[in-house]
Amino acid sequence: MEDKYLKILEDFKLNHKSNKTTFKKVKKINRKKLDDIFHLEHDTVFESIDCLKCANCCKTTSPIFMDSDIKKLAKHFRIKTHQFIDQYLKVDGDGDYVLRSAPCPFLWDDNVCSVYDVRPLACKEYPHTDRKNMYQVIDLTEKNTTICPAVCKIIENIEGKLETKPDKNR
């Protein structure tokens, strides 16, 4: 991961207390407006963030593999689904299929995904900041601030735009 992306994650972690407040405020925003705000900031931030220079998500976490993902990847590798599961996956505490280990075995040294065209849906949607009904994934978004520098920047931008209550002493 490039130093600048590591710094974004570290700086965000240092401000975690104020970020908790931000997420409380975000949860109170009208659902339609929340989607609009996130989508705008998602587009803005990804103009300057290069996932191939980071790949922290692929190096540290696992997507959930749906049955359709498993079938697609098994077909890609020309193996049976049970062979794909046995070789690459385990069941987590929630009963979902996830990778046995990190980093992702499909991530090349140059941070390119070797199965990009058939990657799991969760990988395609990550970091989930441009989806509809953001209110449904706000807790996941907060968790992703520990993984994805782009999510940190998106939240920082939103935090900067949230109205603060005026000081009563003014």
C-alpha atoms as a PDB file:
ATOM      1  CA  MET A   1       0.000   0.000   0.000  1.00  0.00           C
ATOM      2  CA  GLU A   2       1.308   3.434  -0.870  1.00  0.00           C
ATOM      3  CA  ASP A   3       2.316   5.602   2.083  1.00  0.00           C
ATOM      4  CA  LYS A   4      -0.316   8.221   1.282  1.00  0.00           C
ATOM      5  CA  TYR A   5      -3.084   5.620   1.620  1.00  0.00           C
ATOM      6  CA  LEU A   6      -1.639   4.293   4.847  1.00  0.00           C
ATOM      7  CA  LYS A   7      -1.539   7.865   6.179  1.00  0.00           C
ATOM      8  CA  ILE A   8      -5.223   8.373   5.314  1.00  0.00           C
ATOM      9  CA  LEU A   9      -6.129   5.267   7.348  1.00  0.00           C
ATOM     10  CA  GLU A  10      -3.917   6.297  10.278  1.00  0.00           C
ATOM     11  CA  ASP A  11      -5.220   9.880  10.342  1.00  0.00           C
ATOM     12  CA  PHE A  12      -8.801   8.654  10.243  1.00  0.00           C
ATOM     13  CA  LYS A  13      -8.146   6.288  13.144  1.00  0.00           C
ATOM     14  CA  LEU A  14      -6.723   9.170  15.199  1.00  0.00           C
ATOM     15  CA  ASN A  15      -9.990  11.068  14.749  1.00  0.00           C
ATOM     16  CA  HIS A  16     -12.146   8.029  15.547  1.00  0.00           C
ATOM     17  CA  LYS A  17     -14.013   9.726  18.379  1.00  0.00           C
ATOM     18  CA  SER A  18     -15.265  12.514  16.130  1.00  0.00           C
ATOM     19  CA  ASN A  19     -16.014   9.946  13.428  1.00  0.00           C
ATOM     20  CA  LYS A  20     -18.405   8.129  15.797  1.00  0.00           C
ATOM     21  CA  THR A  21     -20.274  11.425  16.071  1.00  0.00           C
ATOM     22  CA  THR A  22     -20.265  11.746  12.290  1.00  0.00           C
ATOM     23  CA  PHE A  23     -21.821   8.310  11.858  1.00  0.00           C
ATOM     24  CA  LYS A  24     -24.519   9.167  14.404  1.00  0.00           C
ATOM     25  CA  LYS A  25     -25.356  12.266  12.339  1.00  0.00           C
ATOM     26  CA  VAL A  26     -25.211  10.329   9.063  1.00  0.00           C
ATOM     27  CA  LYS A  27     -27.739   7.814  10.373  1.00  0.00           C
ATOM     28  CA  LYS A  28     -30.216  10.669  10.882  1.00  0.00           C
ATOM     29  CA  ILE A  29     -30.060  11.935   7.285  1.00  0.00           C
ATOM     30  CA  ASN A  30     -33.062  11.379   5.023  1.00  0.00           C
ATOM     31  CA  ARG A  31     -32.527   8.128   3.083  1.00  0.00           C
ATOM     32  CA  LYS A  32     -32.726   9.641  -0.404  1.00  0.00           C
ATOM     33  CA  LYS A  33     -30.460  12.520   0.555  1.00  0.00           C
ATOM     34  CA  LEU A  34     -28.034  10.063   2.151  1.00  0.00           C
ATOM     35  CA  ASP A  35     -27.726   8.142  -1.128  1.00  0.00           C
ATOM     36  CA  ASP A  36     -27.161  11.385  -3.051  1.00  0.00           C
ATOM     37  CA  ILE A  37     -24.473  12.559  -0.620  1.00  0.00           C
ATOM     38  CA  PHE A  38     -22.614   9.247  -0.676  1.00  0.00           C
ATOM     39  CA  HIS A  39     -22.790   8.880  -4.444  1.00  0.00           C
ATOM     40  CA  LEU A  40     -21.428  12.374  -5.005  1.00  0.00           C
ATOM     41  CA  GLU A  41     -18.556  11.855  -2.567  1.00  0.00           C
ATOM     42  CA  HIS A  42     -17.862   8.361  -3.918  1.00  0.00           C
ATOM     43  CA  ASP A  43     -17.414   9.759  -7.424  1.00  0.00           C
ATOM     44  CA  THR A  44     -15.300  12.657  -6.178  1.00  0.00           C
ATOM     45  CA  VAL A  45     -12.971  10.530  -4.045  1.00  0.00           C
ATOM     46  CA  PHE A  46     -12.433   7.836  -6.659  1.00  0.00           C
ATOM     47  CA  GLU A  47     -11.149  10.471  -9.069  1.00  0.00           C
ATOM     48  CA  SER A  48      -7.985  10.563  -6.911  1.00  0.00           C
ATOM     49  CA  ILE A  49      -7.822   7.118  -5.280  1.00  0.00           C
ATOM     50  CA  ASP A  50      -6.228   4.285  -7.261  1.00  0.00           C
ATOM     51  CA  CYS A  51      -7.283   0.909  -5.877  1.00  0.00           C
ATOM     52  CA  LEU A  52      -4.362  -0.786  -7.640  1.00  0.00           C
ATOM     53  CA  LYS A  53      -1.966   1.258  -5.510  1.00  0.00           C
ATOM     54  CA  CYS A  54      -3.688   0.074  -2.332  1.00  0.00           C
ATOM     55  CA  ALA A  55      -5.559  -3.257  -2.516  1.00  0.00           C
ATOM     56  CA  ASN A  56      -5.816  -3.295   1.271  1.00  0.00           C
ATOM     57  CA  CYS A  57      -9.274  -4.862   1.022  1.00  0.00           C
ATOM     58  CA  CYS A  58      -7.850  -7.790  -0.953  1.00  0.00           C
ATOM     59  CA  LYS A  59      -4.873  -8.113   1.373  1.00  0.00           C
ATOM     60  CA  THR A  60      -6.704  -8.038   4.701  1.00  0.00           C
ATOM     61  CA  THR A  61     -10.337  -9.125   4.349  1.00  0.00           C
ATOM     62  CA  SER A  62     -12.513 -11.593   2.503  1.00  0.00           C
ATOM     63  CA  PRO A  63     -15.703 -11.041   0.596  1.00  0.00           C
ATOM     64  CA  ILE A  64     -18.664 -13.267   1.210  1.00  0.00           C
ATOM     65  CA  PHE A  65     -18.905 -15.827  -1.592  1.00  0.00           C
ATOM     66  CA  MET A  66     -22.450 -16.452  -2.753  1.00  0.00           C
ATOM     67  CA  ASP A  67     -23.374 -19.730  -4.467  1.00  0.00           C
ATOM     68  CA  SER A  68     -23.389 -17.944  -7.825  1.00  0.00           C
ATOM     69  CA  ASP A  69     -19.862 -16.613  -7.163  1.00  0.00           C
ATOM     70  CA  ILE A  70     -18.610 -20.085  -6.295  1.00  0.00           C
ATOM     71  CA  LYS A  71     -20.146 -21.623  -9.422  1.00  0.00           C
ATOM     72  CA  LYS A  72     -18.706 -18.885 -11.631  1.00  0.00           C
ATOM     73  CA  LEU A  73     -15.210 -19.202 -10.171  1.00  0.00           C
ATOM     74  CA  ALA A  74     -15.249 -23.002 -10.219  1.00  0.00           C
ATOM     75  CA  LYS A  75     -16.208 -22.870 -13.892  1.00  0.00           C
ATOM     76  CA  HIS A  76     -13.418 -20.335 -14.508  1.00  0.00           C
ATOM     77  CA  PHE A  77     -10.879 -22.727 -12.948  1.00  0.00           C
ATOM     78  CA  ARG A  78     -12.526 -25.748 -14.600  1.00  0.00           C
ATOM     79  CA  ILE A  79     -13.055 -27.535 -11.319  1.00  0.00           C
ATOM     80  CA  LYS A  80     -16.111 -28.736  -9.444  1.00  0.00           C
ATOM     81  CA  THR A  81     -17.724 -26.345  -6.952  1.00  0.00           C
ATOM     82  CA  HIS A  82     -16.858 -28.603  -4.010  1.00  0.00           C
ATOM     83  CA  GLN A  83     -13.206 -28.568  -5.128  1.00  0.00           C
ATOM     84  CA  PHE A  84     -13.235 -24.769  -5.241  1.00  0.00           C
ATOM     85  CA  ILE A  85     -14.781 -24.645  -1.769  1.00  0.00           C
ATOM     86  CA  ASP A  86     -12.298 -27.187  -0.366  1.00  0.00           C
ATOM     87  CA  GLN A  87      -9.311 -25.379  -1.841  1.00  0.00           C
ATOM     88  CA  TYR A  88     -10.167 -21.732  -1.185  1.00  0.00           C
ATOM     89  CA  LEU A  89     -13.063 -21.271   1.230  1.00  0.00           C
ATOM     90  CA  LYS A  90     -14.207 -21.817   4.785  1.00  0.00           C
ATOM     91  CA  VAL A  91     -17.458 -21.105   6.601  1.00  0.00           C
ATOM     92  CA  ASP A  92     -17.304 -18.119   8.971  1.00  0.00           C
ATOM     93  CA  GLY A  93     -19.175 -17.544  12.227  1.00  0.00           C
ATOM     94  CA  ASP A  94     -22.209 -16.226  10.333  1.00  0.00           C
ATOM     95  CA  GLY A  95     -22.402 -19.346   8.152  1.00  0.00           C
ATOM     96  CA  ASP A  96     -21.063 -17.563   5.057  1.00  0.00           C
ATOM     97  CA  TYR A  97     -18.353 -18.779   2.716  1.00  0.00           C
ATOM     98  CA  VAL A  98     -15.222 -16.628   2.962  1.00  0.00           C
ATOM     99  CA  LEU A  99     -11.601 -17.063   1.927  1.00  0.00           C
ATOM    100  CA  ARG A 100      -9.471 -19.440   3.995  1.00  0.00           C
ATOM    101  CA  SER A 101      -6.672 -16.910   4.226  1.00  0.00           C
ATOM    102  CA  ALA A 102      -5.529 -13.412   3.439  1.00  0.00           C
ATOM    103  CA  PRO A 103      -4.301 -11.974   1.223  1.00  0.00           C
ATOM    104  CA  CYS A 104      -6.719 -13.123  -1.443  1.00  0.00           C
ATOM    105  CA  PRO A 105      -5.151 -16.001  -3.369  1.00  0.00           C
ATOM    106  CA  PHE A 106      -6.318 -14.385  -6.610  1.00  0.00           C
ATOM    107  CA  LEU A 107      -4.391 -11.146  -5.982  1.00  0.00           C
ATOM    108  CA  TRP A 108      -1.168 -10.846  -7.952  1.00  0.00           C
ATOM    109  CA  ASP A 109       1.931  -9.095  -6.589  1.00  0.00           C
ATOM    110  CA  ASP A 110       1.104  -5.966  -8.602  1.00  0.00           C
ATOM    111  CA  ASN A 111      -2.344  -5.753  -6.894  1.00  0.00           C
ATOM    112  CA  VAL A 112      -4.171  -6.915 -10.011  1.00  0.00           C
ATOM    113  CA  CYS A 113      -7.024  -9.360  -9.517  1.00  0.00           C
ATOM    114  CA  SER A 114      -6.412 -12.521 -11.520  1.00  0.00           C
ATOM    115  CA  VAL A 115     -10.162 -13.304 -11.565  1.00  0.00           C
ATOM    116  CA  TYR A 116     -11.385  -9.746 -12.096  1.00  0.00           C
ATOM    117  CA  ASP A 117     -13.905 -10.627 -14.798  1.00  0.00           C
ATOM    118  CA  VAL A 118     -15.501 -13.322 -12.609  1.00  0.00           C
ATOM    119  CA  ARG A 119     -14.816 -11.848  -9.163  1.00  0.00           C
ATOM    120  CA  PRO A 120     -17.449 -12.202  -6.435  1.00  0.00           C
ATOM    121  CA  LEU A 121     -20.305  -9.716  -6.321  1.00  0.00           C
ATOM    122  CA  ALA A 122     -19.064  -8.399  -2.957  1.00  0.00           C
ATOM    123  CA  CYS A 123     -15.753  -7.503  -4.613  1.00  0.00           C
ATOM    124  CA  LYS A 124     -17.538  -5.739  -7.475  1.00  0.00           C
ATOM    125  CA  GLU A 125     -19.593  -3.678  -5.043  1.00  0.00           C
ATOM    126  CA  TYR A 126     -16.778  -2.865  -2.598  1.00  0.00           C
ATOM    127  CA  PRO A 127     -16.549  -0.463  -0.802  1.00  0.00           C
ATOM    128  CA  HIS A 128     -20.352  -0.224  -1.109  1.00  0.00           C
ATOM    129  CA  THR A 129     -20.387   3.586  -1.022  1.00  0.00           C
ATOM    130  CA  ASP A 130     -22.174   4.006  -4.348  1.00  0.00           C
ATOM    131  CA  ARG A 131     -25.097   1.693  -3.794  1.00  0.00           C
ATOM    132  CA  LYS A 132     -28.744   2.496  -3.273  1.00  0.00           C
ATOM    133  CA  ASN A 133     -30.129   2.429   0.259  1.00  0.00           C
ATOM    134  CA  MET A 134     -26.896   3.416   1.961  1.00  0.00           C
ATOM    135  CA  TYR A 135     -28.746   3.483   5.273  1.00  0.00           C
ATOM    136  CA  GLN A 136     -28.685  -0.332   5.132  1.00  0.00           C
ATOM    137  CA  VAL A 137     -24.884  -0.471   5.080  1.00  0.00           C
ATOM    138  CA  ILE A 138     -23.873   2.425   7.322  1.00  0.00           C
ATOM    139  CA  ASP A 139     -22.448   0.074   9.964  1.00  0.00           C
ATOM    140  CA  LEU A 140     -20.486  -1.770   7.269  1.00  0.00           C
ATOM    141  CA  THR A 141     -19.286   1.580   5.934  1.00  0.00           C
ATOM    142  CA  GLU A 142     -18.032   2.494   9.392  1.00  0.00           C
ATOM    143  CA  LYS A 143     -16.178  -0.832   9.573  1.00  0.00           C
ATOM    144  CA  ASN A 144     -14.696  -0.209   6.130  1.00  0.00           C
ATOM    145  CA  THR A 145     -13.019   2.973   7.400  1.00  0.00           C
ATOM    146  CA  THR A 146     -10.466   0.629   8.998  1.00  0.00           C
ATOM    147  CA  ILE A 147      -9.725  -0.992   5.632  1.00  0.00           C
ATOM    148  CA  CYS A 148     -10.317   1.412   2.760  1.00  0.00           C
ATOM    149  CA  PRO A 149      -8.691   4.847   2.481  1.00  0.00           C
ATOM    150  CA  ALA A 150     -11.375   5.878  -0.019  1.00  0.00           C
ATOM    151  CA  VAL A 151     -14.118   5.258   2.539  1.00  0.00           C
ATOM    152  CA  CYS A 152     -12.183   7.372   5.044  1.00  0.00           C
ATOM    153  CA  LYS A 153     -11.993  10.240   2.553  1.00  0.00           C
ATOM    154  CA  ILE A 154     -15.684   9.888   1.673  1.00  0.00           C
ATOM    155  CA  ILE A 155     -16.654  10.101   5.346  1.00  0.00           C
ATOM    156  CA  GLU A 156     -14.292  13.037   5.925  1.00  0.00           C
ATOM    157  CA  ASN A 157     -15.886  14.883   3.008  1.00  0.00           C
ATOM    158  CA  ILE A 158     -19.373  14.159   4.299  1.00  0.00           C
ATOM    159  CA  GLU A 159     -18.364  15.201   7.803  1.00  0.00           C
ATOM    160  CA  GLY A 160     -17.142  18.523   6.429  1.00  0.00           C
ATOM    161  CA  LYS A 161     -20.514  19.141   4.792  1.00  0.00           C
ATOM    162  CA  LEU A 162     -22.761  18.166   7.684  1.00  0.00           C
ATOM    163  CA  GLU A 163     -24.356  21.097   9.369  1.00  0.00           C
ATOM    164  CA  THR A 164     -23.097  21.656  12.858  1.00  0.00           C
ATOM    165  CA  LYS A 165     -25.374  23.060  15.497  1.00  0.00           C
ATOM    166  CA  PRO A 166     -24.637  26.716  16.162  1.00  0.00           C
ATOM    167  CA  ASP A 167     -22.953  27.589  19.423  1.00  0.00           C
ATOM    168  CA  LYS A 168     -25.610  28.882  21.840  1.00  0.00           C
ATOM    169  CA  ASN A 169     -23.147  31.381  23.291  1.00  0.00           C
ATOM    170  CA  ARG A 170     -22.812  33.287  20.005  1.00  0.00           C
END
